[in-house]
């Protein structure tokens, strides 16, 4: 078994939302970075039901974000990465994939 890479509780999300160390945004996503003492990166995804009505669409977006995180994990710092999905997102896979790549590249520049 490997290391669990997700943020396990609402406490971790609350810390990232209230006092993020860094904040990076794109057209459809906001990434909040909060340092951790674990020595590895963790991911959390926040998609509001109010913004995206169908659970199928919310879950598809979460899967795409987590998959992109796994691909780019070696480039990321040891921090909690909370990705907040904005309201105007479309379900186009190529658009989401491109924008997530831009998001991870922006975090690399912060190091």
PDB file of N, CA and C in Angstrom:
ATOM      1  N   UNK A   1       0.834  -1.184   0.000  1.00  0.00           N
ATOM      2  CA  UNK A   1       0.000   0.000   0.000  1.00  0.00           C
ATOM      3  C   UNK A   1       0.875   1.242   0.000  1.00  0.00           C
ATOM      4  N   UNK A   2       0.415   2.244  -0.674  1.00  0.00           N
ATOM      5  CA  UNK A   2       1.154   3.494  -0.732  1.00  0.00           C
ATOM      6  C   UNK A   2       0.610   4.514   0.261  1.00  0.00           C
ATOM      7  N   UNK A   3       1.108   5.687   0.140  1.00  0.00           N
ATOM      8  CA  UNK A   3       0.695   6.787   0.991  1.00  0.00           C
ATOM      9  C   UNK A   3      -0.642   7.314   0.491  1.00  0.00           C
ATOM     10  N   UNK A   4      -1.558   7.587   1.413  1.00  0.00           N
ATOM     11  CA  UNK A   4      -2.849   8.150   1.034  1.00  0.00           C
ATOM     12  C   UNK A   4      -2.651   9.629   0.726  1.00  0.00           C
ATOM     13  N   UNK A   5      -3.014  10.033  -0.455  1.00  0.00           N
ATOM     14  CA  UNK A   5      -2.728  11.381  -0.934  1.00  0.00           C
ATOM     15  C   UNK A   5      -3.905  12.344  -0.847  1.00  0.00           C
ATOM     16  N   UNK A   6      -5.007  11.955  -0.206  1.00  0.00           N
ATOM     17  CA  UNK A   6      -6.136  12.869  -0.104  1.00  0.00           C
ATOM     18  C   UNK A   6      -6.179  13.487   1.288  1.00  0.00           C
ATOM     19  N   UNK A   7      -6.739  14.680   1.366  1.00  0.00           N
ATOM     20  CA  UNK A   7      -6.894  15.357   2.645  1.00  0.00           C
ATOM     21  C   UNK A   7      -8.087  14.710   3.345  1.00  0.00           C
ATOM     22  N   UNK A   8      -7.884  14.131   4.533  1.00  0.00           N
ATOM     23  CA  UNK A   8      -8.895  13.265   5.120  1.00  0.00           C
ATOM     24  C   UNK A   8     -10.082  13.941   5.809  1.00  0.00           C
ATOM     25  N   UNK A   9      -9.950  15.162   6.256  1.00  0.00           N
ATOM     26  CA  UNK A   9     -11.032  15.721   7.068  1.00  0.00           C
ATOM     27  C   UNK A   9     -11.367  17.139   6.652  1.00  0.00           C
ATOM     28  N   UNK A  10     -12.475  17.613   7.176  1.00  0.00           N
ATOM     29  CA  UNK A  10     -12.867  18.989   6.895  1.00  0.00           C
ATOM     30  C   UNK A  10     -11.925  19.973   7.582  1.00  0.00           C
ATOM     31  N   UNK A  11     -11.214  19.534   8.617  1.00  0.00           N
ATOM     32  CA  UNK A  11     -10.247  20.407   9.292  1.00  0.00           C
ATOM     33  C   UNK A  11      -9.153  20.841   8.328  1.00  0.00           C
ATOM     34  N   UNK A  12      -8.646  19.916   7.532  1.00  0.00           N
ATOM     35  CA  UNK A  12      -7.627  20.248   6.539  1.00  0.00           C
ATOM     36  C   UNK A  12      -8.141  21.225   5.497  1.00  0.00           C
ATOM     37  N   UNK A  13      -9.386  21.047   5.079  1.00  0.00           N
ATOM     38  CA  UNK A  13      -9.988  21.972   4.126  1.00  0.00           C
ATOM     39  C   UNK A  13     -10.183  23.338   4.761  1.00  0.00           C
ATOM     40  N   UNK A  14     -10.655  23.356   6.010  1.00  0.00           N
ATOM     41  CA  UNK A  14     -10.895  24.622   6.699  1.00  0.00           C
ATOM     42  C   UNK A  14      -9.621  25.433   6.839  1.00  0.00           C
ATOM     43  N   UNK A  15      -8.512  24.765   7.167  1.00  0.00           N
ATOM     44  CA  UNK A  15      -7.231  25.460   7.293  1.00  0.00           C
ATOM     45  C   UNK A  15      -6.797  26.053   5.958  1.00  0.00           C
ATOM     46  N   UNK A  16      -6.968  25.304   4.901  1.00  0.00           N
ATOM     47  CA  UNK A  16      -6.568  25.792   3.581  1.00  0.00           C
ATOM     48  C   UNK A  16      -7.452  26.957   3.137  1.00  0.00           C
ATOM     49  N   UNK A  17      -8.748  26.882   3.413  1.00  0.00           N
ATOM     50  CA  UNK A  17      -9.651  27.956   3.006  1.00  0.00           C
ATOM     51  C   UNK A  17      -9.463  29.212   3.851  1.00  0.00           C
ATOM     52  N   UNK A  18      -9.202  29.049   5.140  1.00  0.00           N
ATOM     53  CA  UNK A  18      -9.103  30.227   6.007  1.00  0.00           C
ATOM     54  C   UNK A  18      -7.734  30.899   5.944  1.00  0.00           C
ATOM     55  N   UNK A  19      -6.655  30.109   5.901  1.00  0.00           N
ATOM     56  CA  UNK A  19      -5.300  30.683   5.915  1.00  0.00           C
ATOM     57  C   UNK A  19      -4.389  29.989   4.905  1.00  0.00           C
ATOM     58  N   UNK A  20      -4.633  30.158   3.610  1.00  0.00           N
ATOM     59  CA  UNK A  20      -3.733  29.505   2.652  1.00  0.00           C
ATOM     60  C   UNK A  20      -2.379  30.203   2.609  1.00  0.00           C
ATOM     61  N   UNK A  21      -1.330  29.428   2.398  1.00  0.00           N
ATOM     62  CA  UNK A  21       0.003  30.005   2.246  1.00  0.00           C
ATOM     63  C   UNK A  21       0.138  30.683   0.881  1.00  0.00           C
ATOM     64  N   UNK A  22      -0.419  30.057  -0.129  1.00  0.00           N
ATOM     65  CA  UNK A  22      -0.388  30.612  -1.488  1.00  0.00           C
ATOM     66  C   UNK A  22      -1.716  30.329  -2.172  1.00  0.00           C
ATOM     67  N   UNK A  23      -2.012  31.157  -3.165  1.00  0.00           N
ATOM     68  CA  UNK A  23      -3.255  31.014  -3.909  1.00  0.00           C
ATOM     69  C   UNK A  23      -2.948  31.220  -5.389  1.00  0.00           C
ATOM     70  N   UNK A  24      -3.367  30.266  -6.208  1.00  0.00           N
ATOM     71  CA  UNK A  24      -3.155  30.326  -7.651  1.00  0.00           C
ATOM     72  C   UNK A  24      -4.504  30.108  -8.313  1.00  0.00           C
ATOM     73  N   UNK A  25      -4.785  30.870  -9.371  1.00  0.00           N
ATOM     74  CA  UNK A  25      -6.079  30.675 -10.021  1.00  0.00           C
ATOM     75  C   UNK A  25      -5.944  30.683 -11.535  1.00  0.00           C
ATOM     76  N   UNK A  26      -6.904  30.024 -12.153  1.00  0.00           N
ATOM     77  CA  UNK A  26      -7.061  30.032 -13.599  1.00  0.00           C
ATOM     78  C   UNK A  26      -8.512  30.397 -13.863  1.00  0.00           C
ATOM     79  N   UNK A  27      -8.934  30.260 -15.097  1.00  0.00           N
ATOM     80  CA  UNK A  27     -10.307  30.633 -15.447  1.00  0.00           C
ATOM     81  C   UNK A  27     -11.345  29.780 -14.707  1.00  0.00           C
ATOM     82  N   UNK A  28     -11.083  28.481 -14.545  1.00  0.00           N
ATOM     83  CA  UNK A  28     -12.068  27.579 -13.957  1.00  0.00           C
ATOM     84  C   UNK A  28     -11.703  27.036 -12.583  1.00  0.00           C
ATOM     85  N   UNK A  29     -10.479  27.257 -12.114  1.00  0.00           N
ATOM     86  CA  UNK A  29     -10.036  26.671 -10.851  1.00  0.00           C
ATOM     87  C   UNK A  29      -9.322  27.686  -9.970  1.00  0.00           C
ATOM     88  N   UNK A  30      -9.420  27.472  -8.664  1.00  0.00           N
ATOM     89  CA  UNK A  30      -8.620  28.199  -7.684  1.00  0.00           C
ATOM     90  C   UNK A  30      -7.892  27.134  -6.870  1.00  0.00           C
ATOM     91  N   UNK A  31      -6.577  27.261  -6.771  1.00  0.00           N
ATOM     92  CA  UNK A  31      -5.773  26.318  -6.013  1.00  0.00           C
ATOM     93  C   UNK A  31      -5.254  27.016  -4.767  1.00  0.00           C
ATOM     94  N   UNK A  32      -5.557  26.441  -3.611  1.00  0.00           N
ATOM     95  CA  UNK A  32      -5.078  26.956  -2.336  1.00  0.00           C
ATOM     96  C   UNK A  32      -4.017  26.010  -1.817  1.00  0.00           C
ATOM     97  N   UNK A  33      -2.855  26.549  -1.488  1.00  0.00           N
ATOM     98  CA  UNK A  33      -1.748  25.746  -0.980  1.00  0.00           C
ATOM     99  C   UNK A  33      -1.541  26.045   0.494  1.00  0.00           C
ATOM    100  N   UNK A  34      -1.484  24.999   1.283  1.00  0.00           N
ATOM    101  CA  UNK A  34      -1.207  25.111   2.713  1.00  0.00           C
ATOM    102  C   UNK A  34      -0.125  24.098   3.040  1.00  0.00           C
ATOM    103  N   UNK A  35       1.007  24.564   3.549  1.00  0.00           N
ATOM    104  CA  UNK A  35       2.114  23.672   3.857  1.00  0.00           C
ATOM    105  C   UNK A  35       1.739  22.612   4.882  1.00  0.00           C
ATOM    106  N   UNK A  36       2.346  21.445   4.771  1.00  0.00           N
ATOM    107  CA  UNK A  36       2.128  20.386   5.766  1.00  0.00           C
ATOM    108  C   UNK A  36       3.477  19.817   6.200  1.00  0.00           C
ATOM    109  N   UNK A  37       3.482  19.121   7.317  1.00  0.00           N
ATOM    110  CA  UNK A  37       4.709  18.541   7.866  1.00  0.00           C
ATOM    111  C   UNK A  37       4.867  17.066   7.509  1.00  0.00           C
ATOM    112  N   UNK A  38       4.092  16.579   6.565  1.00  0.00           N
ATOM    113  CA  UNK A  38       4.089  15.158   6.236  1.00  0.00           C
ATOM    114  C   UNK A  38       5.206  14.772   5.274  1.00  0.00           C
ATOM    115  N   UNK A  39       5.706  15.720   4.510  1.00  0.00           N
ATOM    116  CA  UNK A  39       6.769  15.418   3.565  1.00  0.00           C
ATOM    117  C   UNK A  39       6.277  14.980   2.198  1.00  0.00           C
ATOM    118  N   UNK A  40       4.983  15.050   1.954  1.00  0.00           N
ATOM    119  CA  UNK A  40       4.444  14.712   0.640  1.00  0.00           C
ATOM    120  C   UNK A  40       3.208  15.559   0.357  1.00  0.00           C
ATOM    121  N   UNK A  41       2.859  15.655  -0.911  1.00  0.00           N
ATOM    122  CA  UNK A  41       1.719  16.460  -1.344  1.00  0.00           C
ATOM    123  C   UNK A  41       0.415  15.691  -1.156  1.00  0.00           C
ATOM    124  N   UNK A  42      -0.636  16.431  -0.779  1.00  0.00           N
ATOM    125  CA  UNK A  42      -1.980  15.852  -0.682  1.00  0.00           C
ATOM    126  C   UNK A  42      -2.940  16.716  -1.482  1.00  0.00           C
ATOM    127  N   UNK A  43      -4.043  16.110  -1.894  1.00  0.00           N
ATOM    128  CA  UNK A  43      -5.023  16.797  -2.737  1.00  0.00           C
ATOM    129  C   UNK A  43      -6.393  16.789  -2.072  1.00  0.00           C
ATOM    130  N   UNK A  44      -7.105  17.873  -2.266  1.00  0.00           N
ATOM    131  CA  UNK A  44      -8.498  17.981  -1.863  1.00  0.00           C
ATOM    132  C   UNK A  44      -9.229  18.727  -2.965  1.00  0.00           C
ATOM    133  N   UNK A  45     -10.439  18.320  -3.268  1.00  0.00           N
ATOM    134  CA  UNK A  45     -11.209  18.950  -4.338  1.00  0.00           C
ATOM    135  C   UNK A  45     -12.533  19.418  -3.774  1.00  0.00           C
ATOM    136  N   UNK A  46     -12.880  20.666  -4.044  1.00  0.00           N
ATOM    137  CA  UNK A  46     -14.141  21.237  -3.585  1.00  0.00           C
ATOM    138  C   UNK A  46     -14.975  21.640  -4.799  1.00  0.00           C
ATOM    139  N   UNK A  47     -16.107  20.977  -4.965  1.00  0.00           N
ATOM    140  CA  UNK A  47     -17.045  21.283  -6.040  1.00  0.00           C
ATOM    141  C   UNK A  47     -18.406  21.490  -5.386  1.00  0.00           C
ATOM    142  N   UNK A  48     -18.949  22.688  -5.521  1.00  0.00           N
ATOM    143  CA  UNK A  48     -20.219  22.979  -4.867  1.00  0.00           C
ATOM    144  C   UNK A  48     -21.395  22.435  -5.674  1.00  0.00           C
ATOM    145  N   UNK A  49     -22.328  21.831  -4.973  1.00  0.00           N
ATOM    146  CA  UNK A  49     -23.541  21.316  -5.611  1.00  0.00           C
ATOM    147  C   UNK A  49     -24.344  22.454  -6.227  1.00  0.00           C
ATOM    148  N   UNK A  50     -24.263  23.609  -5.611  1.00  0.00           N
ATOM    149  CA  UNK A  50     -24.967  24.791  -6.106  1.00  0.00           C
ATOM    150  C   UNK A  50     -24.470  25.192  -7.499  1.00  0.00           C
ATOM    151  N   UNK A  51     -23.182  24.992  -7.749  1.00  0.00           N
ATOM    152  CA  UNK A  51     -22.595  25.394  -9.023  1.00  0.00           C
ATOM    153  C   UNK A  51     -22.751  24.345 -10.116  1.00  0.00           C
ATOM    154  N   UNK A  52     -22.593  23.067  -9.759  1.00  0.00           N
ATOM    155  CA  UNK A  52     -22.723  21.972 -10.726  1.00  0.00           C
ATOM    156  C   UNK A  52     -23.765  21.006 -10.180  1.00  0.00           C
ATOM    157  N   UNK A  53     -24.899  20.995 -10.785  1.00  0.00           N
ATOM    158  CA  UNK A  53     -26.066  20.297 -10.242  1.00  0.00           C
ATOM    159  C   UNK A  53     -25.937  18.781 -10.219  1.00  0.00           C
ATOM    160  N   UNK A  54     -25.489  18.190 -11.301  1.00  0.00           N
ATOM    161  CA  UNK A  54     -25.492  16.736 -11.415  1.00  0.00           C
ATOM    162  C   UNK A  54     -24.271  16.106 -10.747  1.00  0.00           C
ATOM    163  N   UNK A  55     -24.513  15.103  -9.911  1.00  0.00           N
ATOM    164  CA  UNK A  55     -23.426  14.417  -9.209  1.00  0.00           C
ATOM    165  C   UNK A  55     -22.474  13.741 -10.196  1.00  0.00           C
ATOM    166  N   UNK A  56     -22.999  13.280 -11.298  1.00  0.00           N
ATOM    167  CA  UNK A  56     -22.170  12.626 -12.307  1.00  0.00           C
ATOM    168  C   UNK A  56     -21.115  13.605 -12.831  1.00  0.00           C
ATOM    169  N   UNK A  57     -21.526  14.830 -13.093  1.00  0.00           N
ATOM    170  CA  UNK A  57     -20.589  15.835 -13.588  1.00  0.00           C
ATOM    171  C   UNK A  57     -19.591  16.236 -12.503  1.00  0.00           C
ATOM    172  N   UNK A  58     -20.057  16.406 -11.261  1.00  0.00           N
ATOM    173  CA  UNK A  58     -19.155  16.757 -10.160  1.00  0.00           C
ATOM    174  C   UNK A  58     -18.094  15.681  -9.964  1.00  0.00           C
ATOM    175  N   UNK A  59     -18.510  14.424  -9.993  1.00  0.00           N
ATOM    176  CA  UNK A  59     -17.570  13.319  -9.793  1.00  0.00           C
ATOM    177  C   UNK A  59     -16.592  13.187 -10.953  1.00  0.00           C
ATOM    178  N   UNK A  60     -17.048  13.431 -12.165  1.00  0.00           N
ATOM    179  CA  UNK A  60     -16.165  13.378 -13.333  1.00  0.00           C
ATOM    180  C   UNK A  60     -15.077  14.445 -13.218  1.00  0.00           C
ATOM    181  N   UNK A  61     -15.458  15.634 -12.791  1.00  0.00           N
ATOM    182  CA  UNK A  61     -14.490  16.717 -12.612  1.00  0.00           C
ATOM    183  C   UNK A  61     -13.502  16.355 -11.516  1.00  0.00           C
ATOM    184  N   UNK A  62     -13.972  15.798 -10.413  1.00  0.00           N
ATOM    185  CA  UNK A  62     -13.083  15.373  -9.318  1.00  0.00           C
ATOM    186  C   UNK A  62     -12.076  14.334  -9.805  1.00  0.00           C
ATOM    187  N   UNK A  63     -12.552  13.355 -10.569  1.00  0.00           N
ATOM    188  CA  UNK A  63     -11.655  12.318 -11.086  1.00  0.00           C
ATOM    189  C   UNK A  63     -10.584  12.907 -11.994  1.00  0.00           C
ATOM    190  N   UNK A  64     -10.961  13.851 -12.848  1.00  0.00           N
ATOM    191  CA  UNK A  64      -9.991  14.471 -13.745  1.00  0.00           C
ATOM    192  C   UNK A  64      -8.948  15.262 -12.961  1.00  0.00           C
ATOM    193  N   UNK A  65      -9.374  15.969 -11.930  1.00  0.00           N
ATOM    194  CA  UNK A  65      -8.441  16.749 -11.117  1.00  0.00           C
ATOM    195  C   UNK A  65      -7.487  15.820 -10.380  1.00  0.00           C
ATOM    196  N   UNK A  66      -8.004  14.769  -9.773  1.00  0.00           N
ATOM    197  CA  UNK A  66      -7.152  13.840  -9.024  1.00  0.00           C
ATOM    198  C   UNK A  66      -6.208  13.077  -9.952  1.00  0.00           C
ATOM    199  N   UNK A  67      -6.665  12.732 -11.137  1.00  0.00           N
ATOM    200  CA  UNK A  67      -5.797  12.059 -12.103  1.00  0.00           C
ATOM    201  C   UNK A  67      -4.661  12.957 -12.559  1.00  0.00           C
ATOM    202  N   UNK A  68      -4.973  14.200 -12.807  1.00  0.00           N
ATOM    203  CA  UNK A  68      -3.944  15.158 -13.195  1.00  0.00           C
ATOM    204  C   UNK A  68      -2.954  15.387 -12.055  1.00  0.00           C
ATOM    205  N   UNK A  69      -3.454  15.398 -10.825  1.00  0.00           N
ATOM    206  CA  UNK A  69      -2.594  15.540  -9.646  1.00  0.00           C
ATOM    207  C   UNK A  69      -1.610  14.374  -9.560  1.00  0.00           C
ATOM    208  N   UNK A  70      -2.107  13.143  -9.756  1.00  0.00           N
ATOM    209  CA  UNK A  70      -1.240  11.959  -9.695  1.00  0.00           C
ATOM    210  C   UNK A  70      -0.140  12.002 -10.753  1.00  0.00           C
ATOM    211  N   UNK A  71      -0.466  12.485 -11.929  1.00  0.00           N
ATOM    212  CA  UNK A  71       0.517  12.574 -13.005  1.00  0.00           C
ATOM    213  C   UNK A  71       1.616  13.581 -12.666  1.00  0.00           C
ATOM    214  N   UNK A  72       1.240  14.686 -12.036  1.00  0.00           N
ATOM    215  CA  UNK A  72       2.179  15.772 -11.771  1.00  0.00           C
ATOM    216  C   UNK A  72       2.717  15.787 -10.345  1.00  0.00           C
ATOM    217  N   UNK A  73       2.476  14.756  -9.572  1.00  0.00           N
ATOM    218  CA  UNK A  73       2.819  14.762  -8.150  1.00  0.00           C
ATOM    219  C   UNK A  73       4.313  14.919  -7.891  1.00  0.00           C
ATOM    220  N   UNK A  74       5.138  14.424  -8.779  1.00  0.00           N
ATOM    221  CA  UNK A  74       6.587  14.516  -8.559  1.00  0.00           C
ATOM    222  C   UNK A  74       7.089  15.957  -8.650  1.00  0.00           C
ATOM    223  N   UNK A  75       6.355  16.830  -9.320  1.00  0.00           N
ATOM    224  CA  UNK A  75       6.755  18.219  -9.480  1.00  0.00           C
ATOM    225  C   UNK A  75       6.246  19.122  -8.354  1.00  0.00           C
ATOM    226  N   UNK A  76       5.333  18.608  -7.524  1.00  0.00           N
ATOM    227  CA  UNK A  76       4.657  19.450  -6.542  1.00  0.00           C
ATOM    228  C   UNK A  76       5.342  19.430  -5.188  1.00  0.00           C
ATOM    229  N   UNK A  77       5.146  20.497  -4.432  1.00  0.00           N
ATOM    230  CA  UNK A  77       5.752  20.631  -3.113  1.00  0.00           C
ATOM    231  C   UNK A  77       4.982  19.819  -2.079  1.00  0.00           C
ATOM    232  N   UNK A  78       5.598  19.611  -0.936  1.00  0.00           N
ATOM    233  CA  UNK A  78       4.952  18.904   0.180  1.00  0.00           C
ATOM    234  C   UNK A  78       3.984  19.866   0.842  1.00  0.00           C
ATOM    235  N   UNK A  79       2.775  19.890   0.352  1.00  0.00           N
ATOM    236  CA  UNK A  79       1.749  20.791   0.863  1.00  0.00           C
ATOM    237  C   UNK A  79       0.381  20.185   0.593  1.00  0.00           C
ATOM    238  N   UNK A  80      -0.621  20.770   1.231  1.00  0.00           N
ATOM    239  CA  UNK A  80      -1.998  20.396   0.943  1.00  0.00           C
ATOM    240  C   UNK A  80      -2.477  21.273  -0.206  1.00  0.00           C
ATOM    241  N   UNK A  81      -2.917  20.642  -1.270  1.00  0.00           N
ATOM    242  CA  UNK A  81      -3.398  21.337  -2.459  1.00  0.00           C
ATOM    243  C   UNK A  81      -4.913  21.189  -2.497  1.00  0.00           C
ATOM    244  N   UNK A  82      -5.639  22.271  -2.290  1.00  0.00           N
ATOM    245  CA  UNK A  82      -7.094  22.242  -2.354  1.00  0.00           C
ATOM    246  C   UNK A  82      -7.519  22.960  -3.626  1.00  0.00           C
ATOM    247  N   UNK A  83      -8.176  22.233  -4.514  1.00  0.00           N
ATOM    248  CA  UNK A  83      -8.639  22.784  -5.779  1.00  0.00           C
ATOM    249  C   UNK A  83     -10.124  23.093  -5.639  1.00  0.00           C
ATOM    250  N   UNK A  84     -10.462  24.363  -5.806  1.00  0.00           N
ATOM    251  CA  UNK A  84     -11.851  24.812  -5.766  1.00  0.00           C
ATOM    252  C   UNK A  84     -12.301  25.039  -7.201  1.00  0.00           C
ATOM    253  N   UNK A  85     -13.413  24.434  -7.571  1.00  0.00           N
ATOM    254  CA  UNK A  85     -13.927  24.537  -8.936  1.00  0.00           C
ATOM    255  C   UNK A  85     -14.896  25.705  -9.004  1.00  0.00           C
ATOM    256  N   UNK A  86     -14.657  26.604  -9.951  1.00  0.00           N
ATOM    257  CA  UNK A  86     -15.517  27.770 -10.120  1.00  0.00           C
ATOM    258  C   UNK A  86     -16.811  27.393 -10.831  1.00  0.00           C
ATOM    259  N   UNK A  87     -17.753  28.287 -10.784  1.00  0.00           N
ATOM    260  CA  UNK A  87     -19.099  28.032 -11.284  1.00  0.00           C
ATOM    261  C   UNK A  87     -19.175  27.843 -12.800  1.00  0.00           C
ATOM    262  N   UNK A  88     -18.396  28.569 -13.553  1.00  0.00           N
ATOM    263  CA  UNK A  88     -18.571  28.601 -15.008  1.00  0.00           C
ATOM    264  C   UNK A  88     -17.824  27.508 -15.752  1.00  0.00           C
ATOM    265  N   UNK A  89     -17.496  26.405 -15.098  1.00  0.00           N
ATOM    266  CA  UNK A  89     -16.724  25.340 -15.742  1.00  0.00           C
ATOM    267  C   UNK A  89     -17.609  24.536 -16.703  1.00  0.00           C
ATOM    268  N   UNK A  90     -17.004  24.141 -17.814  1.00  0.00           N
ATOM    269  CA  UNK A  90     -17.694  23.266 -18.752  1.00  0.00           C
ATOM    270  C   UNK A  90     -17.158  21.854 -18.549  1.00  0.00           C
ATOM    271  N   UNK A  91     -17.847  20.881 -19.051  1.00  0.00           N
ATOM    272  CA  UNK A  91     -17.447  19.488 -18.858  1.00  0.00           C
ATOM    273  C   UNK A  91     -16.541  18.990 -19.980  1.00  0.00           C
ATOM    274  N   UNK A  92     -16.007  19.906 -20.779  1.00  0.00           N
ATOM    275  CA  UNK A  92     -15.110  19.503 -21.861  1.00  0.00           C
ATOM    276  C   UNK A  92     -13.791  19.000 -21.314  1.00  0.00           C
ATOM    277  N   UNK A  93     -13.461  17.753 -21.605  1.00  0.00           N
ATOM    278  CA  UNK A  93     -12.273  17.122 -21.049  1.00  0.00           C
ATOM    279  C   UNK A  93     -10.975  17.798 -21.439  1.00  0.00           C
ATOM    280  N   UNK A  94     -10.865  18.230 -22.697  1.00  0.00           N
ATOM    281  CA  UNK A  94      -9.632  18.859 -23.156  1.00  0.00           C
ATOM    282  C   UNK A  94      -9.414  20.214 -22.484  1.00  0.00           C
ATOM    283  N   UNK A  95     -10.488  20.952 -22.263  1.00  0.00           N
ATOM    284  CA  UNK A  95     -10.395  22.254 -21.613  1.00  0.00           C
ATOM    285  C   UNK A  95      -9.921  22.083 -20.174  1.00  0.00           C
ATOM    286  N   UNK A  96     -10.504  21.137 -19.474  1.00  0.00           N
ATOM    287  CA  UNK A  96     -10.134  20.877 -18.081  1.00  0.00           C
ATOM    288  C   UNK A  96      -8.691  20.399 -17.998  1.00  0.00           C
ATOM    289  N   UNK A  97      -8.306  19.477 -18.869  1.00  0.00           N
ATOM    290  CA  UNK A  97      -6.947  18.932 -18.855  1.00  0.00           C
ATOM    291  C   UNK A  97      -5.911  20.026 -19.091  1.00  0.00           C
ATOM    292  N   UNK A  98      -6.129  20.875 -20.074  1.00  0.00           N
ATOM    293  CA  UNK A  98      -5.204  21.956 -20.396  1.00  0.00           C
ATOM    294  C   UNK A  98      -5.094  22.934 -19.224  1.00  0.00           C
ATOM    295  N   UNK A  99      -6.214  23.273 -18.652  1.00  0.00           N
ATOM    296  CA  UNK A  99      -6.199  24.246 -17.565  1.00  0.00           C
ATOM    297  C   UNK A  99      -5.548  23.697 -16.302  1.00  0.00           C
ATOM    298  N   UNK A 100      -5.721  22.411 -16.046  1.00  0.00           N
ATOM    299  CA  UNK A 100      -5.049  21.799 -14.899  1.00  0.00           C
ATOM    300  C   UNK A 100      -3.542  21.778 -15.095  1.00  0.00           C
ATOM    301  N   UNK A 101      -3.095  21.514 -16.324  1.00  0.00           N
ATOM    302  CA  UNK A 101      -1.660  21.565 -16.611  1.00  0.00           C
ATOM    303  C   UNK A 101      -1.115  22.969 -16.339  1.00  0.00           C
ATOM    304  N   UNK A 102      -1.868  23.994 -16.751  1.00  0.00           N
ATOM    305  CA  UNK A 102      -1.462  25.372 -16.481  1.00  0.00           C
ATOM    306  C   UNK A 102      -1.402  25.637 -14.974  1.00  0.00           C
ATOM    307  N   UNK A 103      -2.351  25.102 -14.248  1.00  0.00           N
ATOM    308  CA  UNK A 103      -2.409  25.291 -12.800  1.00  0.00           C
ATOM    309  C   UNK A 103      -1.194  24.681 -12.117  1.00  0.00           C
ATOM    310  N   UNK A 104      -0.835  23.454 -12.493  1.00  0.00           N
ATOM    311  CA  UNK A 104       0.323  22.800 -11.883  1.00  0.00           C
ATOM    312  C   UNK A 104       1.611  23.520 -12.264  1.00  0.00           C
ATOM    313  N   UNK A 105       1.693  24.039 -13.490  1.00  0.00           N
ATOM    314  CA  UNK A 105       2.888  24.779 -13.906  1.00  0.00           C
ATOM    315  C   UNK A 105       3.039  26.066 -13.102  1.00  0.00           C
ATOM    316  N   UNK A 106       1.922  26.720 -12.801  1.00  0.00           N
ATOM    317  CA  UNK A 106       1.987  27.930 -11.986  1.00  0.00           C
ATOM    318  C   UNK A 106       2.494  27.631 -10.580  1.00  0.00           C
ATOM    319  N   UNK A 107       2.120  26.466 -10.041  1.00  0.00           N
ATOM    320  CA  UNK A 107       2.601  26.125  -8.693  1.00  0.00           C
ATOM    321  C   UNK A 107       4.091  25.800  -8.710  1.00  0.00           C
ATOM    322  N   UNK A 108       4.602  25.255  -9.812  1.00  0.00           N
ATOM    323  CA  UNK A 108       6.035  24.978  -9.929  1.00  0.00           C
ATOM    324  C   UNK A 108       6.834  26.276  -9.865  1.00  0.00           C
ATOM    325  N   UNK A 109       6.298  27.338 -10.416  1.00  0.00           N
ATOM    326  CA  UNK A 109       6.991  28.625 -10.435  1.00  0.00           C
ATOM    327  C   UNK A 109       7.048  29.245  -9.037  1.00  0.00           C
ATOM    328  N   UNK A 110       6.152  28.834  -8.162  1.00  0.00           N
ATOM    329  CA  UNK A 110       6.128  29.380  -6.802  1.00  0.00           C
ATOM    330  C   UNK A 110       7.220  28.802  -5.918  1.00  0.00           C
ATOM    331  N   UNK A 111       7.772  27.659  -6.306  1.00  0.00           N
ATOM    332  CA  UNK A 111       8.756  26.960  -5.465  1.00  0.00           C
ATOM    333  C   UNK A 111      10.042  27.761  -5.374  1.00  0.00           C
TER     334      UNK A 111
END
